[in-house]
Amino acid sequence: MVTGMATRKVTVTLDEQQVEAIRSLVESGRARSVSGFVQDAVSVTLDDMVGWGAALALALEATGGEMSASEREWADRVLGVAGPSDSSVA
């Protein structure tokens, strides 16, 4: 974390086992604090998501771009995913 970076306090809900595991890491000196551990985890996850998005964009570009409507329909059928036309309106 950059010193002086604006921060905001938020509340998150974690499983008790996760909290205890993080506290154990803090007590052993392997994590600086519970908040620091969560900040690091969020940072890594955000970086991963950006990286995967870039990798997907490159893969789509290399294979002809976004899926067409017919390709999406085929993929939905193969994966057993209900498409918009399969949902019922009440």
C-alpha atoms as a PDB file:
ATOM      1  CA  MET A   1       0.000   0.000   0.000  1.00  0.00           C
ATOM      2  CA  VAL A   2       1.281   3.447  -0.862  1.00  0.00           C
ATOM      3  CA  THR A   3       1.834   5.710   2.124  1.00  0.00           C
ATOM      4  CA  GLY A   4      -0.649   8.563   2.114  1.00  0.00           C
ATOM      5  CA  MET A   5      -3.110   6.762  -0.152  1.00  0.00           C
ATOM      6  CA  ALA A   6      -6.698   7.652   0.650  1.00  0.00           C
ATOM      7  CA  THR A   7      -8.454   4.792   2.389  1.00  0.00           C
ATOM      8  CA  ARG A   8     -11.993   4.105   3.480  1.00  0.00           C
ATOM      9  CA  LYS A   9     -13.099   1.834   6.286  1.00  0.00           C
ATOM     10  CA  VAL A  10     -15.608  -0.818   5.230  1.00  0.00           C
ATOM     11  CA  THR A  11     -17.166  -3.834   6.865  1.00  0.00           C
ATOM     12  CA  VAL A  12     -16.690  -7.251   5.311  1.00  0.00           C
ATOM     13  CA  THR A  13     -18.029 -10.600   6.414  1.00  0.00           C
ATOM     14  CA  LEU A  14     -15.670 -13.586   6.511  1.00  0.00           C
ATOM     15  CA  ASP A  15     -16.009 -17.140   7.726  1.00  0.00           C
ATOM     16  CA  GLU A  16     -14.764 -17.525  11.297  1.00  0.00           C
ATOM     17  CA  GLN A  17     -12.122 -19.988  10.092  1.00  0.00           C
ATOM     18  CA  GLN A  18     -10.783 -17.413   7.629  1.00  0.00           C
ATOM     19  CA  VAL A  19     -10.558 -14.765  10.343  1.00  0.00           C
ATOM     20  CA  GLU A  20      -8.739 -17.159  12.659  1.00  0.00           C
ATOM     21  CA  ALA A  21      -6.327 -18.150   9.867  1.00  0.00           C
ATOM     22  CA  ILE A  22      -5.580 -14.475   9.150  1.00  0.00           C
ATOM     23  CA  ARG A  23      -5.100 -13.718  12.852  1.00  0.00           C
ATOM     24  CA  SER A  24      -2.691 -16.654  13.096  1.00  0.00           C
ATOM     25  CA  LEU A  25      -0.699 -15.226  10.195  1.00  0.00           C
ATOM     26  CA  VAL A  26      -0.596 -11.837  11.942  1.00  0.00           C
ATOM     27  CA  GLU A  27       0.492 -13.394  15.251  1.00  0.00           C
ATOM     28  CA  SER A  28       3.275 -15.324  13.499  1.00  0.00           C
ATOM     29  CA  GLY A  29       4.457 -12.165  11.764  1.00  0.00           C
ATOM     30  CA  ARG A  30       3.602 -13.441   8.275  1.00  0.00           C
ATOM     31  CA  ALA A  31       0.951 -10.719   7.791  1.00  0.00           C
ATOM     32  CA  ARG A  32       1.199  -7.139   9.084  1.00  0.00           C
ATOM     33  CA  SER A  33      -2.432  -6.924  10.264  1.00  0.00           C
ATOM     34  CA  VAL A  34      -5.885  -8.268   9.475  1.00  0.00           C
ATOM     35  CA  SER A  35      -6.650  -5.113   7.474  1.00  0.00           C
ATOM     36  CA  GLY A  36      -3.298  -5.323   5.718  1.00  0.00           C
ATOM     37  CA  PHE A  37      -3.929  -8.946   4.777  1.00  0.00           C
ATOM     38  CA  VAL A  38      -7.356  -8.105   3.346  1.00  0.00           C
ATOM     39  CA  GLN A  39      -5.936  -5.087   1.473  1.00  0.00           C
ATOM     40  CA  ASP A  40      -3.244  -7.304  -0.072  1.00  0.00           C
ATOM     41  CA  ALA A  41      -5.800  -9.973  -0.998  1.00  0.00           C
ATOM     42  CA  VAL A  42      -8.054  -7.411  -2.672  1.00  0.00           C
ATOM     43  CA  SER A  43      -5.101  -5.923  -4.547  1.00  0.00           C
ATOM     44  CA  VAL A  44      -4.012  -9.333  -5.850  1.00  0.00           C
ATOM     45  CA  THR A  45      -7.565 -10.208  -6.888  1.00  0.00           C
ATOM     46  CA  LEU A  46      -8.062  -6.913  -8.717  1.00  0.00           C
ATOM     47  CA  ASP A  47      -4.737  -7.376 -10.530  1.00  0.00           C
ATOM     48  CA  ASP A  48      -5.721 -10.935 -11.466  1.00  0.00           C
ATOM     49  CA  MET A  49      -9.058  -9.810 -12.855  1.00  0.00           C
ATOM     50  CA  VAL A  50      -7.401  -7.125 -14.975  1.00  0.00           C
ATOM     51  CA  GLY A  51      -4.852  -9.676 -16.174  1.00  0.00           C
ATOM     52  CA  TRP A  52      -7.504 -12.234 -17.085  1.00  0.00           C
ATOM     53  CA  GLY A  53      -9.501  -9.554 -18.884  1.00  0.00           C
ATOM     54  CA  ALA A  54      -6.444  -8.637 -20.945  1.00  0.00           C
ATOM     55  CA  ALA A  55      -5.715 -12.305 -21.671  1.00  0.00           C
ATOM     56  CA  LEU A  56      -9.324 -12.852 -22.759  1.00  0.00           C
ATOM     57  CA  ALA A  57      -9.196  -9.790 -25.021  1.00  0.00           C
ATOM     58  CA  LEU A  58      -6.015 -11.102 -26.661  1.00  0.00           C
ATOM     59  CA  ALA A  59      -7.512 -14.572 -27.087  1.00  0.00           C
ATOM     60  CA  LEU A  60     -10.697 -13.156 -28.619  1.00  0.00           C
ATOM     61  CA  GLU A  61      -8.650 -10.979 -30.966  1.00  0.00           C
ATOM     62  CA  ALA A  62      -6.553 -13.984 -32.046  1.00  0.00           C
ATOM     63  CA  THR A  63      -9.631 -16.119 -32.702  1.00  0.00           C
ATOM     64  CA  GLY A  64     -11.861 -13.684 -34.551  1.00  0.00           C
ATOM     65  CA  GLY A  65     -13.338 -11.415 -31.899  1.00  0.00           C
ATOM     66  CA  GLU A  66     -16.445 -11.603 -29.765  1.00  0.00           C
ATOM     67  CA  MET A  67     -18.773 -14.573 -30.077  1.00  0.00           C
ATOM     68  CA  SER A  68     -21.646 -14.220 -32.527  1.00  0.00           C
ATOM     69  CA  ALA A  69     -25.236 -14.703 -31.380  1.00  0.00           C
ATOM     70  CA  SER A  70     -25.330 -18.184 -32.932  1.00  0.00           C
ATOM     71  CA  GLU A  71     -22.047 -19.112 -31.213  1.00  0.00           C
ATOM     72  CA  ARG A  72     -23.468 -17.933 -27.882  1.00  0.00           C
ATOM     73  CA  GLU A  73     -26.649 -19.949 -28.406  1.00  0.00           C
ATOM     74  CA  TRP A  74     -24.572 -23.034 -29.238  1.00  0.00           C
ATOM     75  CA  ALA A  75     -22.379 -22.527 -26.146  1.00  0.00           C
ATOM     76  CA  ASP A  76     -25.438 -22.026 -23.943  1.00  0.00           C
ATOM     77  CA  ARG A  77     -26.952 -25.287 -25.233  1.00  0.00           C
ATOM     78  CA  VAL A  78     -23.708 -27.218 -24.748  1.00  0.00           C
ATOM     79  CA  LEU A  79     -23.208 -25.813 -21.255  1.00  0.00           C
ATOM     80  CA  GLY A  80     -26.865 -26.236 -20.284  1.00  0.00           C
ATOM     81  CA  VAL A  81     -27.303 -22.510 -19.645  1.00  0.00           C
ATOM     82  CA  ALA A  82     -30.760 -21.073 -20.155  1.00  0.00           C
ATOM     83  CA  GLY A  83     -30.705 -18.186 -22.608  1.00  0.00           C
ATOM     84  CA  PRO A  84     -32.914 -15.085 -22.422  1.00  0.00           C
ATOM     85  CA  SER A  85     -35.565 -16.719 -24.623  1.00  0.00           C
ATOM     86  CA  ASP A  86     -35.754 -19.685 -22.224  1.00  0.00           C
ATOM     87  CA  SER A  87     -36.842 -17.604 -19.229  1.00  0.00           C
ATOM     88  CA  SER A  88     -40.511 -17.278 -18.515  1.00  0.00           C
ATOM     89  CA  VAL A  89     -42.173 -13.984 -17.739  1.00  0.00           C
ATOM     90  CA  ALA A  90     -44.650 -14.035 -14.852  1.00  0.00           C
END
